[in-house]
């Protein structure tokens, strides 16, 4: 039994239907994650709104994918690993780079600092070592970026947990396995 169904546009509450239309127009489909969150129009609107707001923030599209991959790996979310591996590749990451990010060992120094801090925030429930924050600032990131990381970790945790509870069917190519997790 699914705890939350993947809804079609016709099955979705009225508040979700326009959002489904917007997603389909923008992405070519309504990913199963959003079709699950769409069981509640306000929940879908809030989730999408946070993402849209932070798309205007400190991080590039690629850096937001680094964050999403690190959170998904820490939370063992196969759906988000698949989705963000696909998106990461769309934003210029190689498949090997997505694996390296998930392992906390990307060759890109800024991505390494970013992925390690994000993973620490996720796994320690918001109590990363101060050295990771110092490394973050030393890499050129700002206090605004640190504030945004906290919200991005929360947003990605929301989607990870939604997929765990719902057992969301993966509608992206599966992410490759990693050595460390």
Protein backbone atom coordinates (compact mmCIF):
# COMPACT_ATOMS: atom_id res chain seq x y z
CA UNK A 1 0.00 0.00 0.00
CA UNK A 2 1.24 3.47 -0.88
CA UNK A 3 0.92 6.04 1.86
CA UNK A 4 0.74 8.81 -0.75
CA UNK A 5 -0.34 8.23 -4.31
CA UNK A 6 1.29 9.57 -7.45
CA UNK A 7 -1.61 11.67 -8.71
CA UNK A 8 -2.55 12.52 -12.26
CA UNK A 9 -3.71 16.05 -13.01
CA UNK A 10 -7.32 14.86 -12.96
CA UNK A 11 -6.92 13.17 -9.57
CA UNK A 12 -5.11 16.12 -7.99
CA UNK A 13 -6.87 18.69 -5.82
CA UNK A 14 -7.78 21.90 -7.63
CA UNK A 15 -4.93 23.82 -5.90
CA UNK A 16 -2.38 21.42 -7.43
CA UNK A 17 -3.67 21.34 -11.00
CA UNK A 18 -2.28 24.72 -12.10
CA UNK A 19 1.06 23.81 -10.50
CA UNK A 20 1.04 20.50 -12.36
CA UNK A 21 0.42 22.44 -15.60
CA UNK A 22 3.33 24.78 -14.83
CA UNK A 23 5.63 21.85 -14.07
CA UNK A 24 4.64 20.06 -17.25
CA UNK A 25 5.23 23.23 -19.28
CA UNK A 26 8.63 23.83 -17.67
CA UNK A 27 9.92 20.24 -17.37
CA UNK A 28 7.94 18.38 -20.02
CA UNK A 29 6.34 16.21 -17.33
CA UNK A 30 5.24 16.26 -13.72
CA UNK A 31 7.95 14.27 -11.91
CA UNK A 32 6.50 11.66 -9.58
CA UNK A 33 7.87 13.51 -6.53
CA UNK A 34 5.72 16.55 -7.29
CA UNK A 35 2.75 14.35 -8.22
CA UNK A 36 3.05 12.89 -4.70
CA UNK A 37 3.50 16.23 -2.91
CA UNK A 38 0.55 17.45 -4.99
CA UNK A 39 -1.79 15.47 -2.74
CA UNK A 40 -1.80 18.86 -0.98
CA UNK A 41 -1.86 22.01 -3.08
CA UNK A 42 -0.40 24.15 -0.28
CA UNK A 43 2.42 21.63 0.30
CA UNK A 44 3.28 21.62 -3.41
CA UNK A 45 3.11 25.41 -3.62
CA UNK A 46 5.39 25.76 -0.57
CA UNK A 47 7.92 23.23 -1.87
CA UNK A 48 8.11 24.80 -5.32
CA UNK A 49 8.16 28.32 -3.86
CA UNK A 50 11.20 27.63 -1.70
CA UNK A 51 13.07 26.21 -4.67
CA UNK A 52 12.12 29.13 -6.91
CA UNK A 53 13.14 31.70 -4.30
CA UNK A 54 16.53 30.10 -3.73
CA UNK A 55 17.15 29.82 -7.47
CA UNK A 56 17.63 33.61 -7.20
CA UNK A 57 20.10 33.24 -4.34
CA UNK A 58 23.82 32.83 -3.85
CA UNK A 59 24.28 29.43 -5.49
CA UNK A 60 24.49 28.51 -9.15
CA UNK A 61 22.29 25.77 -10.58
CA UNK A 62 25.27 23.42 -10.41
CA UNK A 63 26.01 24.26 -6.76
CA UNK A 64 22.36 23.65 -5.85
CA UNK A 65 22.71 20.20 -7.44
CA UNK A 66 25.87 19.58 -5.38
CA UNK A 67 23.81 20.41 -2.29
CA UNK A 68 20.89 18.20 -3.37
CA UNK A 69 23.20 15.25 -4.11
CA UNK A 70 24.96 15.57 -0.75
CA UNK A 71 21.65 15.70 1.15
CA UNK A 72 20.13 12.83 -0.84
CA UNK A 73 23.21 10.68 -0.19
CA UNK A 74 23.14 11.46 3.53
CA UNK A 75 19.42 10.63 3.67
CA UNK A 76 19.65 7.53 1.42
CA UNK A 77 17.04 8.83 -1.01
CA UNK A 78 17.28 6.82 -4.22
CA UNK A 79 14.63 8.94 -5.95
CA UNK A 80 16.48 12.22 -5.33
CA UNK A 81 19.84 10.66 -6.16
CA UNK A 82 18.43 9.65 -9.55
CA UNK A 83 16.74 13.02 -10.15
CA UNK A 84 19.70 15.15 -9.07
CA UNK A 85 22.23 13.03 -10.94
CA UNK A 86 20.17 13.72 -14.07
CA UNK A 87 19.83 17.43 -13.26
CA UNK A 88 23.48 17.71 -12.26
CA UNK A 89 24.49 16.36 -15.66
CA UNK A 90 22.15 18.90 -17.31
CA UNK A 91 24.04 21.63 -15.43
CA UNK A 92 27.49 20.47 -16.51
CA UNK A 93 28.53 17.79 -14.03
CA UNK A 94 29.82 14.50 -15.36
CA UNK A 95 28.35 11.31 -13.96
CA UNK A 96 31.68 10.64 -12.22
CA UNK A 97 31.53 14.09 -10.61
CA UNK A 98 28.07 13.28 -9.23
CA UNK A 99 29.50 10.12 -7.68
CA UNK A 100 32.50 12.01 -6.31
CA UNK A 101 30.17 14.62 -4.77
CA UNK A 102 28.13 11.87 -3.12
CA UNK A 103 31.37 10.42 -1.73
CA UNK A 104 32.41 13.87 -0.45
CA UNK A 105 35.48 13.86 -2.68
CA UNK A 106 34.85 16.00 -5.76
CA UNK A 107 38.00 17.28 -7.50
CA UNK A 108 36.57 20.81 -7.54
CA UNK A 109 37.69 22.36 -4.23
CA UNK A 110 34.61 24.57 -3.79
CA UNK A 111 32.30 21.62 -4.46
CA UNK A 112 34.28 19.52 -1.95
CA UNK A 113 33.91 22.16 0.78
CA UNK A 114 30.24 22.64 -0.08
CA UNK A 115 29.34 18.94 -0.19
CA UNK A 116 31.15 18.17 3.06
CA UNK A 117 29.45 21.02 4.94
CA UNK A 118 26.03 20.11 3.57
CA UNK A 119 26.46 16.46 4.45
CA UNK A 120 27.61 17.40 7.96
CA UNK A 121 24.64 19.72 8.48
CA UNK A 122 22.33 16.92 7.34
CA UNK A 123 23.85 14.09 9.36
CA UNK A 124 24.40 16.10 12.55
CA UNK A 125 20.96 17.70 12.40
CA UNK A 126 22.45 21.16 12.19
CA UNK A 127 25.59 20.82 14.30
CA UNK A 128 28.50 20.71 11.82
CA UNK A 129 32.05 21.13 13.02
CA UNK A 130 33.14 24.77 13.04
CA UNK A 131 36.13 23.87 10.85
CA UNK A 132 33.72 22.99 8.02
CA UNK A 133 32.09 26.42 8.28
CA UNK A 134 35.52 28.08 8.38
CA UNK A 135 36.51 26.13 5.25
CA UNK A 136 33.26 27.26 3.61
CA UNK A 137 34.06 30.91 4.25
CA UNK A 138 37.68 30.42 3.20
CA UNK A 139 36.43 29.01 -0.11
CA UNK A 140 34.77 32.38 -0.77
CA UNK A 141 31.22 31.71 0.32
CA UNK A 142 29.26 34.33 2.26
CA UNK A 143 27.01 34.41 5.35
CA UNK A 144 24.04 34.70 2.95
CA UNK A 145 25.15 31.45 1.32
CA UNK A 146 25.36 29.73 4.70
CA UNK A 147 21.83 30.87 5.48
CA UNK A 148 20.65 29.51 2.15
CA UNK A 149 22.38 26.17 2.74
CA UNK A 150 20.27 25.64 5.84
CA UNK A 151 17.07 26.21 3.88
CA UNK A 152 18.29 24.08 0.95
CA UNK A 153 19.16 21.23 3.32
CA UNK A 154 15.66 21.51 4.79
CA UNK A 155 14.00 21.61 1.36
CA UNK A 156 15.94 18.59 0.14
CA UNK A 157 15.22 16.74 3.37
CA UNK A 158 11.51 17.43 2.82
CA UNK A 159 11.67 15.87 -0.63
CA UNK A 160 13.82 12.97 0.60
CA UNK A 161 11.41 12.18 3.43
CA UNK A 162 8.42 12.53 1.12
CA UNK A 163 9.93 9.89 -1.14
CA UNK A 164 10.69 7.62 1.82
CA UNK A 165 7.13 7.85 3.19
CA UNK A 166 5.47 7.60 -0.21
CA UNK A 167 7.76 5.01 -1.78
CA UNK A 168 7.77 7.28 -4.84
CA UNK A 169 8.44 5.33 -8.04
CA UNK A 170 11.66 6.58 -9.63
CA UNK A 171 10.99 8.19 -13.00
CA UNK A 172 14.61 9.16 -13.78
CA UNK A 173 17.57 6.96 -14.76
CA UNK A 174 18.98 5.32 -11.63
CA UNK A 175 22.03 6.92 -10.08
CA UNK A 176 25.23 4.88 -10.11
CA UNK A 177 26.35 3.18 -6.92
CA UNK A 178 28.93 4.86 -4.71
CA UNK A 179 31.86 3.47 -2.74
CA UNK A 180 31.20 5.43 0.46
CA UNK A 181 27.86 6.44 1.88
